[in-house]
C-alpha atoms as a PDB file:
ATOM      1  CA  UNK A   1      -7.098 -16.712 -24.011  1.00  0.00           C
ATOM      2  CA  UNK A   2      -3.893 -17.646 -22.202  1.00  0.00           C
ATOM      3  CA  UNK A   3      -0.531 -15.936 -22.257  1.00  0.00           C
ATOM      4  CA  UNK A   4       2.429 -18.062 -21.203  1.00  0.00           C
ATOM      5  CA  UNK A   5       0.308 -20.195 -18.906  1.00  0.00           C
ATOM      6  CA  UNK A   6      -1.575 -17.319 -17.255  1.00  0.00           C
ATOM      7  CA  UNK A   7      -5.172 -16.522 -18.151  1.00  0.00           C
ATOM      8  CA  UNK A   8      -5.831 -12.947 -19.200  1.00  0.00           C
ATOM      9  CA  UNK A   9      -7.926 -11.074 -16.694  1.00  0.00           C
ATOM     10  CA  UNK A  10     -10.435  -8.374 -17.457  1.00  0.00           C
ATOM     11  CA  UNK A  11     -10.687  -5.473 -15.038  1.00  0.00           C
ATOM     12  CA  UNK A  12     -13.666  -5.495 -12.728  1.00  0.00           C
ATOM     13  CA  UNK A  13     -16.149  -2.631 -12.959  1.00  0.00           C
ATOM     14  CA  UNK A  14     -14.997  -1.128  -9.643  1.00  0.00           C
ATOM     15  CA  UNK A  15     -11.426  -1.048 -10.991  1.00  0.00           C
ATOM     16  CA  UNK A  16     -12.607   1.056 -13.921  1.00  0.00           C
ATOM     17  CA  UNK A  17     -14.553   3.578 -11.850  1.00  0.00           C
ATOM     18  CA  UNK A  18     -13.529   7.033 -12.984  1.00  0.00           C
ATOM     19  CA  UNK A  19     -15.720   8.835 -10.431  1.00  0.00           C
ATOM     20  CA  UNK A  20     -13.554   8.257  -7.366  1.00  0.00           C
ATOM     21  CA  UNK A  21     -15.328   9.350  -4.216  1.00  0.00           C
ATOM     22  CA  UNK A  22     -13.363  11.509  -1.813  1.00  0.00           C
ATOM     23  CA  UNK A  23     -12.530   9.663   1.383  1.00  0.00           C
ATOM     24  CA  UNK A  24     -13.002  11.405   4.675  1.00  0.00           C
ATOM     25  CA  UNK A  25      -9.968  13.400   5.772  1.00  0.00           C
ATOM     26  CA  UNK A  26      -7.447  11.336   7.698  1.00  0.00           C
ATOM     27  CA  UNK A  27      -7.795   8.049   5.838  1.00  0.00           C
ATOM     28  CA  UNK A  28      -4.575   8.717   3.923  1.00  0.00           C
ATOM     29  CA  UNK A  29      -1.837  10.774   5.539  1.00  0.00           C
ATOM     30  CA  UNK A  30       1.726  11.453   4.513  1.00  0.00           C
ATOM     31  CA  UNK A  31       4.334  10.921   7.216  1.00  0.00           C
ATOM     32  CA  UNK A  32       4.604  14.712   7.560  1.00  0.00           C
ATOM     33  CA  UNK A  33       0.826  15.057   8.019  1.00  0.00           C
ATOM     34  CA  UNK A  34       0.764  12.210  10.537  1.00  0.00           C
ATOM     35  CA  UNK A  35       3.649  13.697  12.491  1.00  0.00           C
ATOM     36  CA  UNK A  36       1.963  17.137  12.560  1.00  0.00           C
ATOM     37  CA  UNK A  37      -1.310  15.559  13.761  1.00  0.00           C
ATOM     38  CA  UNK A  38       0.466  13.656  16.520  1.00  0.00           C
ATOM     39  CA  UNK A  39       2.285  16.797  17.652  1.00  0.00           C
ATOM     40  CA  UNK A  40      -1.070  18.620  17.876  1.00  0.00           C
ATOM     41  CA  UNK A  41      -2.289  15.770  20.085  1.00  0.00           C
ATOM     42  CA  UNK A  42       0.796  16.025  22.316  1.00  0.00           C
ATOM     43  CA  UNK A  43       2.350  12.814  20.998  1.00  0.00           C
ATOM     44  CA  UNK A  44       5.588  12.231  19.161  1.00  0.00           C
ATOM     45  CA  UNK A  45       6.777   9.762  16.580  1.00  0.00           C
ATOM     46  CA  UNK A  46      10.217   8.726  15.396  1.00  0.00           C
ATOM     47  CA  UNK A  47       9.514   8.839  11.641  1.00  0.00           C
ATOM     48  CA  UNK A  48      12.817   7.193  10.752  1.00  0.00           C
ATOM     49  CA  UNK A  49      12.166   4.391  13.244  1.00  0.00           C
ATOM     50  CA  UNK A  50       8.628   3.819  11.971  1.00  0.00           C
ATOM     51  CA  UNK A  51       9.770   3.736   8.340  1.00  0.00           C
ATOM     52  CA  UNK A  52      12.647   1.389   9.245  1.00  0.00           C
ATOM     53  CA  UNK A  53      10.165  -1.010  10.882  1.00  0.00           C
ATOM     54  CA  UNK A  54       7.806  -0.820   7.888  1.00  0.00           C
ATOM     55  CA  UNK A  55      10.749  -1.598   5.603  1.00  0.00           C
ATOM     56  CA  UNK A  56      11.761  -4.578   7.765  1.00  0.00           C
ATOM     57  CA  UNK A  57       8.224  -5.971   7.611  1.00  0.00           C
ATOM     58  CA  UNK A  58       8.024  -5.530   3.821  1.00  0.00           C
ATOM     59  CA  UNK A  59      11.358  -7.298   3.315  1.00  0.00           C
ATOM     60  CA  UNK A  60      10.216 -10.236   5.489  1.00  0.00           C
ATOM     61  CA  UNK A  61       6.949 -10.495   3.576  1.00  0.00           C
ATOM     62  CA  UNK A  62       8.589 -10.692   0.174  1.00  0.00           C
ATOM     63  CA  UNK A  63      11.401 -12.978   1.329  1.00  0.00           C
ATOM     64  CA  UNK A  64       8.749 -15.398   2.579  1.00  0.00           C
ATOM     65  CA  UNK A  65       6.899 -15.566  -0.755  1.00  0.00           C
ATOM     66  CA  UNK A  66       9.442 -14.668  -3.435  1.00  0.00           C
ATOM     67  CA  UNK A  67       9.378 -18.139  -5.016  1.00  0.00           C
ATOM     68  CA  UNK A  68       5.636 -17.813  -5.628  1.00  0.00           C
ATOM     69  CA  UNK A  69       5.929 -14.403  -7.304  1.00  0.00           C
ATOM     70  CA  UNK A  70       6.177 -14.700 -11.068  1.00  0.00           C
ATOM     71  CA  UNK A  71       6.717 -18.489 -10.938  1.00  0.00           C
ATOM     72  CA  UNK A  72       7.197 -18.688 -14.716  1.00  0.00           C
ATOM     73  CA  UNK A  73       9.946 -16.058 -14.460  1.00  0.00           C
ATOM     74  CA  UNK A  74       8.411 -13.966 -17.213  1.00  0.00           C
ATOM     75  CA  UNK A  75      10.430 -10.908 -18.150  1.00  0.00           C
ATOM     76  CA  UNK A  76       9.062  -7.367 -18.304  1.00  0.00           C
ATOM     77  CA  UNK A  77       6.188  -8.027 -15.913  1.00  0.00           C
ATOM     78  CA  UNK A  78       5.297  -6.631 -12.536  1.00  0.00           C
ATOM     79  CA  UNK A  79       2.662  -6.906  -9.851  1.00  0.00           C
ATOM     80  CA  UNK A  80       1.274  -4.171  -7.643  1.00  0.00           C
ATOM     81  CA  UNK A  81       0.659  -4.889  -3.973  1.00  0.00           C
ATOM     82  CA  UNK A  82      -1.034  -2.750  -1.375  1.00  0.00           C
ATOM     83  CA  UNK A  83       0.149  -3.031   2.211  1.00  0.00           C
ATOM     84  CA  UNK A  84      -1.926  -1.652   5.070  1.00  0.00           C
ATOM     85  CA  UNK A  85      -0.200  -0.786   8.316  1.00  0.00           C
ATOM     86  CA  UNK A  86      -1.441   0.396  11.681  1.00  0.00           C
ATOM     87  CA  UNK A  87       0.404   2.356  14.368  1.00  0.00           C
ATOM     88  CA  UNK A  88      -0.692   1.715  17.930  1.00  0.00           C
ATOM     89  CA  UNK A  89      -0.468   4.241  20.762  1.00  0.00           C
ATOM     90  CA  UNK A  90       3.141   3.207  21.496  1.00  0.00           C
ATOM     91  CA  UNK A  91       4.019   3.724  17.797  1.00  0.00           C
ATOM     92  CA  UNK A  92       4.454  -0.003  17.187  1.00  0.00           C
ATOM     93  CA  UNK A  93       3.936  -0.884  13.523  1.00  0.00           C
ATOM     94  CA  UNK A  94       1.432  -3.624  12.738  1.00  0.00           C
ATOM     95  CA  UNK A  95       0.781  -5.135   9.323  1.00  0.00           C
ATOM     96  CA  UNK A  96      -2.954  -5.362   8.769  1.00  0.00           C
ATOM     97  CA  UNK A  97      -3.060  -6.958   5.327  1.00  0.00           C
ATOM     98  CA  UNK A  98      -1.384  -7.326   1.945  1.00  0.00           C
ATOM     99  CA  UNK A  99      -3.652  -6.729  -1.029  1.00  0.00           C
ATOM    100  CA  UNK A 100      -2.806  -8.450  -4.289  1.00  0.00           C
ATOM    101  CA  UNK A 101      -5.324  -6.333  -6.175  1.00  0.00           C
ATOM    102  CA  UNK A 102      -5.200  -2.955  -4.436  1.00  0.00           C
ATOM    103  CA  UNK A 103      -7.428  -0.046  -5.286  1.00  0.00           C
ATOM    104  CA  UNK A 104      -5.204   2.486  -7.025  1.00  0.00           C
ATOM    105  CA  UNK A 105      -7.729   5.225  -7.619  1.00  0.00           C
ATOM    106  CA  UNK A 106      -7.187   8.820  -6.600  1.00  0.00           C
ATOM    107  CA  UNK A 107      -9.678   9.057  -3.746  1.00  0.00           C
ATOM    108  CA  UNK A 108      -7.624  11.523  -1.688  1.00  0.00           C
ATOM    109  CA  UNK A 109      -5.215  14.388  -2.244  1.00  0.00           C
ATOM    110  CA  UNK A 110      -2.264  12.277  -1.119  1.00  0.00           C
ATOM    111  CA  UNK A 111      -3.113   9.452  -3.531  1.00  0.00           C
ATOM    112  CA  UNK A 112      -3.494  11.965  -6.370  1.00  0.00           C
ATOM    113  CA  UNK A 113       0.067  13.171  -5.667  1.00  0.00           C
ATOM    114  CA  UNK A 114       1.372   9.584  -5.628  1.00  0.00           C
ATOM    115  CA  UNK A 115      -0.421   8.250  -8.703  1.00  0.00           C
ATOM    116  CA  UNK A 116      -0.314  11.267 -11.025  1.00  0.00           C
END
């Protein structure tokens, strides 16, 4: 069945999994948790600078593809994207990947706070 030119998509079994496994500690950290960890390790981070750089990267990503997002210009729709970033030892921000079908389960305490 099609809706306005787009085929309906059924959720995959892994998207329906209600028994989310806990990830090992450290896979998902809030900025506060990351900053505290770095301080324990004798390192420092400019949180505002890191978040500014992440924001700049996100804006560039969506400016580069905005014409391909919702090409039929359907109203009252949205897409969820997952963006994975990495900080190197000099606190440079690197984009690892953009997921168009991100896992949005509650596999850590931080994700439970975000999604519930």
